[in-house]
Amino acid sequence: MIQLQNVSVAYGGKVLLDELSLEVAPGRFVAIKGDSGSGKSTLLRVIVGQVRPRTGDIFVGGRPLVAEQLAEIRRTIVYVPQQPAALPGETAQHYLDAPFFFKVNRGASPTATRVTDLLLRLGLRSKLLEQELALLSGGERQRLALVRALLLERPVMLLDEPTSAIDAGNRGRVLEAISSLTGTTVLAVSHDPAVLDAADECYDLVEGRLLAGRQ
């Protein structure tokens, strides 16, 4: 589902990805660990087309990630950053609704029951929807971002440190929701041993290259 072939990225003379190759099969949950600044987040941004590699090729769903295909490929990916950006005065409800204002998602708007079920599954109260996103805790915002990603039901999910602000009690809820996805290809970057253990495969990003961990 996701293929990177000899991908290289450098910033300010520092090589973050060095002819890196990776293949994530459809429906697999793959995790990548690495030191801070090792290029983990950059790897996700390359796949979603936010960072252009110096060399190499990227394929998503068998299609090359090139300018002509970028918009169509992005419709198959949901990218969950470590912390969602909050607009001034934006409520949690508006944050969940926002993707469905776009024409491409308009016909897939979730029911209120679906939203409530996912909130409860991730340990969030429905009343939270009335609150400003900026006033929620970091863990609440992370779980809300995952709820939005799950509502979009796209075949590829990219997660950047999905549990970094989540307490131990709710971490299990998050990992259960991710692990139970059927037919969704998940690529997560994380320091969290619980995320790494839950993944089907795990790699270590060291000096721009992936070292096999658990496969």
C-alpha atoms as a PDB file:
ATOM      1  CA  MET A   1       0.000   0.000   0.000  1.00  0.00           C
ATOM      2  CA  ILE A   2       2.904   2.340   0.826  1.00  0.00           C
ATOM      3  CA  GLN A   3       6.265   2.048  -0.908  1.00  0.00           C
ATOM      4  CA  LEU A   4       9.345   4.232  -0.563  1.00  0.00           C
ATOM      5  CA  GLN A   5      12.288   3.475  -2.814  1.00  0.00           C
ATOM      6  CA  ASN A   6      15.686   5.051  -2.098  1.00  0.00           C
ATOM      7  CA  VAL A   7      14.156   8.226  -0.649  1.00  0.00           C
ATOM      8  CA  SER A   8      16.575  10.936   0.533  1.00  0.00           C
ATOM      9  CA  VAL A   9      15.766  14.188   2.342  1.00  0.00           C
ATOM     10  CA  ALA A  10      18.235  16.755   3.713  1.00  0.00           C
ATOM     11  CA  TYR A  11      17.755  20.034   5.605  1.00  0.00           C
ATOM     12  CA  GLY A  12      20.508  22.558   6.131  1.00  0.00           C
ATOM     13  CA  GLY A  13      23.166  20.065   5.199  1.00  0.00           C
ATOM     14  CA  LYS A  14      21.831  17.417   7.584  1.00  0.00           C
ATOM     15  CA  VAL A  15      20.645  14.187   5.958  1.00  0.00           C
ATOM     16  CA  LEU A  16      17.389  13.034   7.592  1.00  0.00           C
ATOM     17  CA  LEU A  17      16.490  10.234   5.180  1.00  0.00           C
ATOM     18  CA  ASP A  18      19.331   8.499   3.350  1.00  0.00           C
ATOM     19  CA  GLU A  19      18.184   6.377   0.395  1.00  0.00           C
ATOM     20  CA  LEU A  20      15.516   4.948   2.663  1.00  0.00           C
ATOM     21  CA  SER A  21      13.291   2.157   1.401  1.00  0.00           C
ATOM     22  CA  LEU A  22      10.136   0.856   3.067  1.00  0.00           C
ATOM     23  CA  GLU A  23       7.134  -1.214   2.065  1.00  0.00           C
ATOM     24  CA  VAL A  24       3.942  -1.336   4.129  1.00  0.00           C
ATOM     25  CA  ALA A  25       1.541  -4.014   2.937  1.00  0.00           C
ATOM     26  CA  PRO A  26      -2.214  -3.287   2.783  1.00  0.00           C
ATOM     27  CA  GLY A  27      -3.940  -3.617   6.128  1.00  0.00           C
ATOM     28  CA  ARG A  28      -0.718  -3.750   8.179  1.00  0.00           C
ATOM     29  CA  PHE A  29       0.111  -1.644  11.232  1.00  0.00           C
ATOM     30  CA  VAL A  30       3.764  -0.587  11.050  1.00  0.00           C
ATOM     31  CA  ALA A  31       5.576   1.502  13.672  1.00  0.00           C
ATOM     32  CA  ILE A  32       8.855   3.377  13.398  1.00  0.00           C
ATOM     33  CA  LYS A  33      10.916   4.516  16.361  1.00  0.00           C
ATOM     34  CA  GLY A  34      13.958   6.756  16.509  1.00  0.00           C
ATOM     35  CA  ASP A  35      15.612   9.556  18.424  1.00  0.00           C
ATOM     36  CA  SER A  36      14.135  13.055  18.391  1.00  0.00           C
ATOM     37  CA  GLY A  37      15.196  14.813  15.216  1.00  0.00           C
ATOM     38  CA  SER A  38      15.964  11.544  13.448  1.00  0.00           C
ATOM     39  CA  GLY A  39      13.489  12.265  10.646  1.00  0.00           C
ATOM     40  CA  LYS A  40      10.437  10.261  11.759  1.00  0.00           C
ATOM     41  CA  SER A  41       7.943  13.099  11.242  1.00  0.00           C
ATOM     42  CA  THR A  42       9.670  14.054   7.998  1.00  0.00           C
ATOM     43  CA  LEU A  43       9.053  10.533   6.740  1.00  0.00           C
ATOM     44  CA  LEU A  44       5.307  10.946   7.253  1.00  0.00           C
ATOM     45  CA  ARG A  45       5.305  14.361   5.587  1.00  0.00           C
ATOM     46  CA  VAL A  46       7.089  12.881   2.583  1.00  0.00           C
ATOM     47  CA  ILE A  47       4.341  10.272   2.181  1.00  0.00           C
ATOM     48  CA  VAL A  48       1.572  12.868   2.382  1.00  0.00           C
ATOM     49  CA  GLY A  49       3.392  15.099  -0.106  1.00  0.00           C
ATOM     50  CA  GLN A  50       4.263  17.955   2.257  1.00  0.00           C
ATOM     51  CA  VAL A  51       8.007  17.400   1.827  1.00  0.00           C
ATOM     52  CA  ARG A  52       9.587  16.725  -1.538  1.00  0.00           C
ATOM     53  CA  PRO A  53      12.474  14.244  -1.381  1.00  0.00           C
ATOM     54  CA  ARG A  54      15.799  15.036  -2.987  1.00  0.00           C
ATOM     55  CA  THR A  55      15.882  11.573  -4.551  1.00  0.00           C
ATOM     56  CA  GLY A  56      13.726   8.481  -4.640  1.00  0.00           C
ATOM     57  CA  ASP A  57      10.189   7.408  -5.459  1.00  0.00           C
ATOM     58  CA  ILE A  58       7.034   7.089  -3.353  1.00  0.00           C
ATOM     59  CA  PHE A  59       3.961   5.030  -4.221  1.00  0.00           C
ATOM     60  CA  VAL A  60       0.639   4.952  -2.382  1.00  0.00           C
ATOM     61  CA  GLY A  61      -1.870   2.355  -3.460  1.00  0.00           C
ATOM     62  CA  GLY A  62       0.334   1.570  -6.435  1.00  0.00           C
ATOM     63  CA  ARG A  63       0.233   5.155  -7.732  1.00  0.00           C
ATOM     64  CA  PRO A  64       3.364   7.319  -7.896  1.00  0.00           C
ATOM     65  CA  LEU A  65       3.363  10.356  -5.636  1.00  0.00           C
ATOM     66  CA  VAL A  66       3.839  12.977  -8.334  1.00  0.00           C
ATOM     67  CA  ALA A  67       2.235  16.383  -8.795  1.00  0.00           C
ATOM     68  CA  GLU A  68      -0.414  15.072 -11.190  1.00  0.00           C
ATOM     69  CA  GLN A  69      -1.512  12.383  -8.704  1.00  0.00           C
ATOM     70  CA  LEU A  70      -1.037  14.268  -5.436  1.00  0.00           C
ATOM     71  CA  ALA A  71      -4.614  15.491  -4.905  1.00  0.00           C
ATOM     72  CA  GLU A  72      -6.106  12.072  -5.635  1.00  0.00           C
ATOM     73  CA  ILE A  73      -3.615  10.262  -3.407  1.00  0.00           C
ATOM     74  CA  ARG A  74      -4.247  12.653  -0.519  1.00  0.00           C
ATOM     75  CA  ARG A  75      -7.912  11.664  -0.638  1.00  0.00           C
ATOM     76  CA  THR A  76      -6.836   8.175   0.393  1.00  0.00           C
ATOM     77  CA  ILE A  77      -4.691   9.319   3.345  1.00  0.00           C
ATOM     78  CA  VAL A  78      -5.551  10.717   6.750  1.00  0.00           C
ATOM     79  CA  TYR A  79      -2.570  12.313   8.495  1.00  0.00           C
ATOM     80  CA  VAL A  80      -2.826  12.795  12.257  1.00  0.00           C
ATOM     81  CA  PRO A  81      -0.229  15.246  13.617  1.00  0.00           C
ATOM     82  CA  GLN A  82       1.065  15.032  17.168  1.00  0.00           C
ATOM     83  CA  GLN A  83      -1.166  17.944  18.194  1.00  0.00           C
ATOM     84  CA  PRO A  84      -3.989  19.361  16.048  1.00  0.00           C
ATOM     85  CA  ALA A  85      -3.848  23.082  15.402  1.00  0.00           C
ATOM     86  CA  ALA A  86      -6.671  25.026  17.048  1.00  0.00           C
ATOM     87  CA  LEU A  87      -8.275  28.007  15.351  1.00  0.00           C
ATOM     88  CA  PRO A  88      -9.383  30.904  17.598  1.00  0.00           C
ATOM     89  CA  GLY A  89     -12.743  30.025  19.142  1.00  0.00           C
ATOM     90  CA  GLU A  90     -12.940  26.662  17.349  1.00  0.00           C
ATOM     91  CA  THR A  91     -14.977  24.091  19.265  1.00  0.00           C
ATOM     92  CA  ALA A  92     -14.302  20.370  19.314  1.00  0.00           C
ATOM     93  CA  GLN A  93     -17.529  19.850  17.369  1.00  0.00           C
ATOM     94  CA  HIS A  94     -16.404  22.188  14.610  1.00  0.00           C
ATOM     95  CA  TYR A  95     -13.027  20.453  14.511  1.00  0.00           C
ATOM     96  CA  LEU A  96     -14.735  17.101  13.886  1.00  0.00           C
ATOM     97  CA  ASP A  97     -17.105  18.601  11.307  1.00  0.00           C
ATOM     98  CA  ALA A  98     -14.477  20.567   9.359  1.00  0.00           C
ATOM     99  CA  PRO A  99     -13.304  17.819   6.929  1.00  0.00           C
ATOM    100  CA  PHE A 100     -16.895  17.148   5.907  1.00  0.00           C
ATOM    101  CA  PHE A 101     -17.427  20.731   4.738  1.00  0.00           C
ATOM    102  CA  PHE A 102     -15.232  19.887   1.739  1.00  0.00           C
ATOM    103  CA  LYS A 103     -16.972  18.569  -1.335  1.00  0.00           C
ATOM    104  CA  VAL A 104     -14.853  15.418  -1.491  1.00  0.00           C
ATOM    105  CA  ASN A 105     -16.089  14.317   1.977  1.00  0.00           C
ATOM    106  CA  ARG A 106     -19.548  15.842   2.045  1.00  0.00           C
ATOM    107  CA  GLY A 107     -21.383  12.640   1.228  1.00  0.00           C
ATOM    108  CA  ALA A 108     -19.597  10.777   4.033  1.00  0.00           C
ATOM    109  CA  SER A 109     -20.678  12.960   6.968  1.00  0.00           C
ATOM    110  CA  PRO A 110     -21.000  10.744  10.050  1.00  0.00           C
ATOM    111  CA  THR A 111     -24.145  10.384  12.106  1.00  0.00           C
ATOM    112  CA  ALA A 112     -24.310  11.780  15.613  1.00  0.00           C
ATOM    113  CA  THR A 113     -24.503   8.220  16.905  1.00  0.00           C
ATOM    114  CA  ARG A 114     -21.270   7.292  15.126  1.00  0.00           C
ATOM    115  CA  VAL A 115     -19.503  10.316  16.606  1.00  0.00           C
ATOM    116  CA  THR A 116     -20.776   9.571  20.118  1.00  0.00           C
ATOM    117  CA  ASP A 117     -19.754   5.918  19.868  1.00  0.00           C
ATOM    118  CA  LEU A 118     -16.199   6.806  18.856  1.00  0.00           C
ATOM    119  CA  LEU A 119     -15.876   9.439  21.571  1.00  0.00           C
ATOM    120  CA  LEU A 120     -16.937   6.942  24.220  1.00  0.00           C
ATOM    121  CA  ARG A 121     -14.665   4.282  22.782  1.00  0.00           C
ATOM    122  CA  LEU A 122     -11.705   6.624  23.277  1.00  0.00           C
ATOM    123  CA  GLY A 123     -12.783   7.737  26.744  1.00  0.00           C
ATOM    124  CA  LEU A 124     -14.141  11.157  25.762  1.00  0.00           C
ATOM    125  CA  ARG A 125     -17.421  12.665  26.966  1.00  0.00           C
ATOM    126  CA  SER A 126     -19.931  13.963  24.404  1.00  0.00           C
ATOM    127  CA  LYS A 127     -20.124  17.229  26.359  1.00  0.00           C
ATOM    128  CA  LEU A 128     -16.534  17.879  25.295  1.00  0.00           C
ATOM    129  CA  LEU A 129     -17.830  18.783  21.819  1.00  0.00           C
ATOM    130  CA  GLU A 130     -19.120  22.099  23.168  1.00  0.00           C
ATOM    131  CA  GLN A 131     -15.704  23.145  24.485  1.00  0.00           C
ATOM    132  CA  GLU A 132     -13.029  25.133  22.683  1.00  0.00           C
ATOM    133  CA  LEU A 133     -10.375  22.922  21.172  1.00  0.00           C
ATOM    134  CA  ALA A 134      -7.588  25.141  22.531  1.00  0.00           C
ATOM    135  CA  LEU A 135      -8.841  24.631  26.098  1.00  0.00           C
ATOM    136  CA  LEU A 136      -8.739  20.841  25.986  1.00  0.00           C
ATOM    137  CA  SER A 137      -5.821  18.921  27.450  1.00  0.00           C
ATOM    138  CA  GLY A 138      -3.136  17.596  25.127  1.00  0.00           C
ATOM    139  CA  GLY A 139      -4.403  14.060  25.603  1.00  0.00           C
ATOM    140  CA  GLU A 140      -7.988  15.055  24.822  1.00  0.00           C
ATOM    141  CA  ARG A 141      -6.887  16.827  21.637  1.00  0.00           C
ATOM    142  CA  GLN A 142      -4.868  13.787  20.539  1.00  0.00           C
ATOM    143  CA  ARG A 143      -7.817  11.464  21.054  1.00  0.00           C
ATOM    144  CA  LEU A 144     -10.158  13.884  19.295  1.00  0.00           C
ATOM    145  CA  ALA A 145      -7.762  13.965  16.322  1.00  0.00           C
ATOM    146  CA  LEU A 146      -7.918  10.180  16.174  1.00  0.00           C
ATOM    147  CA  VAL A 147     -11.725  10.301  16.303  1.00  0.00           C
ATOM    148  CA  ARG A 148     -11.701  12.615  13.273  1.00  0.00           C
ATOM    149  CA  ALA A 149      -9.312  10.300  11.447  1.00  0.00           C
ATOM    150  CA  LEU A 150     -11.513   7.291  12.160  1.00  0.00           C
ATOM    151  CA  LEU A 151     -14.612   9.152  10.967  1.00  0.00           C
ATOM    152  CA  LEU A 152     -12.961   9.814   7.590  1.00  0.00           C
ATOM    153  CA  GLU A 153     -12.483   6.046   7.061  1.00  0.00           C
ATOM    154  CA  ARG A 154      -9.618   6.408   4.599  1.00  0.00           C
ATOM    155  CA  PRO A 155      -7.516   3.396   3.569  1.00  0.00           C
ATOM    156  CA  VAL A 156      -4.201   4.873   4.790  1.00  0.00           C
ATOM    157  CA  MET A 157      -3.617   6.401   8.237  1.00  0.00           C
ATOM    158  CA  LEU A 158      -0.387   8.190   9.193  1.00  0.00           C
ATOM    159  CA  LEU A 159       0.103   8.823  12.928  1.00  0.00           C
ATOM    160  CA  ASP A 160       2.730  11.129  14.438  1.00  0.00           C
ATOM    161  CA  GLU A 161       3.384  10.205  18.089  1.00  0.00           C
ATOM    162  CA  PRO A 162      -0.300   9.275  18.647  1.00  0.00           C
ATOM    163  CA  THR A 163       0.027   8.652  22.404  1.00  0.00           C
ATOM    164  CA  SER A 164       2.615  11.244  23.471  1.00  0.00           C
ATOM    165  CA  ALA A 165       0.169  13.196  25.680  1.00  0.00           C
ATOM    166  CA  ILE A 166      -2.199  10.371  26.610  1.00  0.00           C
ATOM    167  CA  ASP A 167      -2.299   8.848  30.086  1.00  0.00           C
ATOM    168  CA  ALA A 168      -1.775   5.143  30.599  1.00  0.00           C
ATOM    169  CA  GLY A 169      -5.458   4.514  31.250  1.00  0.00           C
ATOM    170  CA  ASN A 170      -6.533   5.829  27.854  1.00  0.00           C
ATOM    171  CA  ARG A 171      -3.517   4.586  25.905  1.00  0.00           C
ATOM    172  CA  GLY A 172      -5.027   1.119  25.750  1.00  0.00           C
ATOM    173  CA  ARG A 173      -8.246   2.540  24.282  1.00  0.00           C
ATOM    174  CA  VAL A 174      -6.294   4.302  21.546  1.00  0.00           C
ATOM    175  CA  LEU A 175      -4.209   1.269  20.648  1.00  0.00           C
ATOM    176  CA  GLU A 176      -7.236  -1.012  20.640  1.00  0.00           C
ATOM    177  CA  ALA A 177      -9.017   1.347  18.222  1.00  0.00           C
ATOM    178  CA  ILE A 178      -5.996   1.424  15.906  1.00  0.00           C
ATOM    179  CA  SER A 179      -5.236  -2.298  16.093  1.00  0.00           C
ATOM    180  CA  SER A 180      -8.833  -3.310  15.419  1.00  0.00           C
ATOM    181  CA  LEU A 181      -9.054  -1.438  12.116  1.00  0.00           C
ATOM    182  CA  THR A 182      -9.882  -3.737   9.228  1.00  0.00           C
ATOM    183  CA  GLY A 183      -8.437  -2.995   5.813  1.00  0.00           C
ATOM    184  CA  THR A 184      -6.696   0.199   6.939  1.00  0.00           C
ATOM    185  CA  THR A 185      -2.949   0.536   6.430  1.00  0.00           C
ATOM    186  CA  VAL A 186      -1.423   2.299   9.440  1.00  0.00           C
ATOM    187  CA  LEU A 187       2.055   3.824   9.664  1.00  0.00           C
ATOM    188  CA  ALA A 188       2.921   5.353  13.041  1.00  0.00           C
ATOM    189  CA  VAL A 189       6.065   7.015  14.327  1.00  0.00           C
ATOM    190  CA  SER A 190       6.433   6.842  18.091  1.00  0.00           C
ATOM    191  CA  HIS A 191       8.699   6.672  21.134  1.00  0.00           C
ATOM    192  CA  ASP A 192       6.013   4.795  23.083  1.00  0.00           C
ATOM    193  CA  PRO A 193       6.874   1.115  23.727  1.00  0.00           C
ATOM    194  CA  ALA A 194       3.150   0.334  23.879  1.00  0.00           C
ATOM    195  CA  VAL A 195       2.670   1.581  20.310  1.00  0.00           C
ATOM    196  CA  LEU A 196       5.698  -0.373  19.112  1.00  0.00           C
ATOM    197  CA  ASP A 197       4.446  -3.552  20.802  1.00  0.00           C
ATOM    198  CA  ALA A 198       0.966  -3.180  19.310  1.00  0.00           C
ATOM    199  CA  ALA A 199       2.261  -2.857  15.736  1.00  0.00           C
ATOM    200  CA  ASP A 200       2.532  -5.794  13.340  1.00  0.00           C
ATOM    201  CA  GLU A 201       6.033  -4.658  12.374  1.00  0.00           C
ATOM    202  CA  CYS A 202       8.526  -2.272  13.949  1.00  0.00           C
ATOM    203  CA  TYR A 203      11.587  -0.495  12.533  1.00  0.00           C
ATOM    204  CA  ASP A 204      14.261   1.774  13.969  1.00  0.00           C
ATOM    205  CA  LEU A 205      15.221   4.940  12.068  1.00  0.00           C
ATOM    206  CA  VAL A 206      18.962   5.427  12.562  1.00  0.00           C
ATOM    207  CA  GLU A 207      21.104   7.895  10.605  1.00  0.00           C
ATOM    208  CA  GLY A 208      18.509   8.192   7.883  1.00  0.00           C
ATOM    209  CA  ARG A 209      17.960   4.476   7.316  1.00  0.00           C
ATOM    210  CA  LEU A 210      15.586   1.878   8.670  1.00  0.00           C
ATOM    211  CA  LEU A 211      16.899  -1.016  10.701  1.00  0.00           C
ATOM    212  CA  ALA A 212      14.656  -4.046  11.033  1.00  0.00           C
ATOM    213  CA  GLY A 213      13.231  -4.455  14.502  1.00  0.00           C
ATOM    214  CA  ARG A 214      10.330  -6.863  14.781  1.00  0.00           C
ATOM    215  CA  GLN A 215       8.665  -8.284  11.650  1.00  0.00           C
END
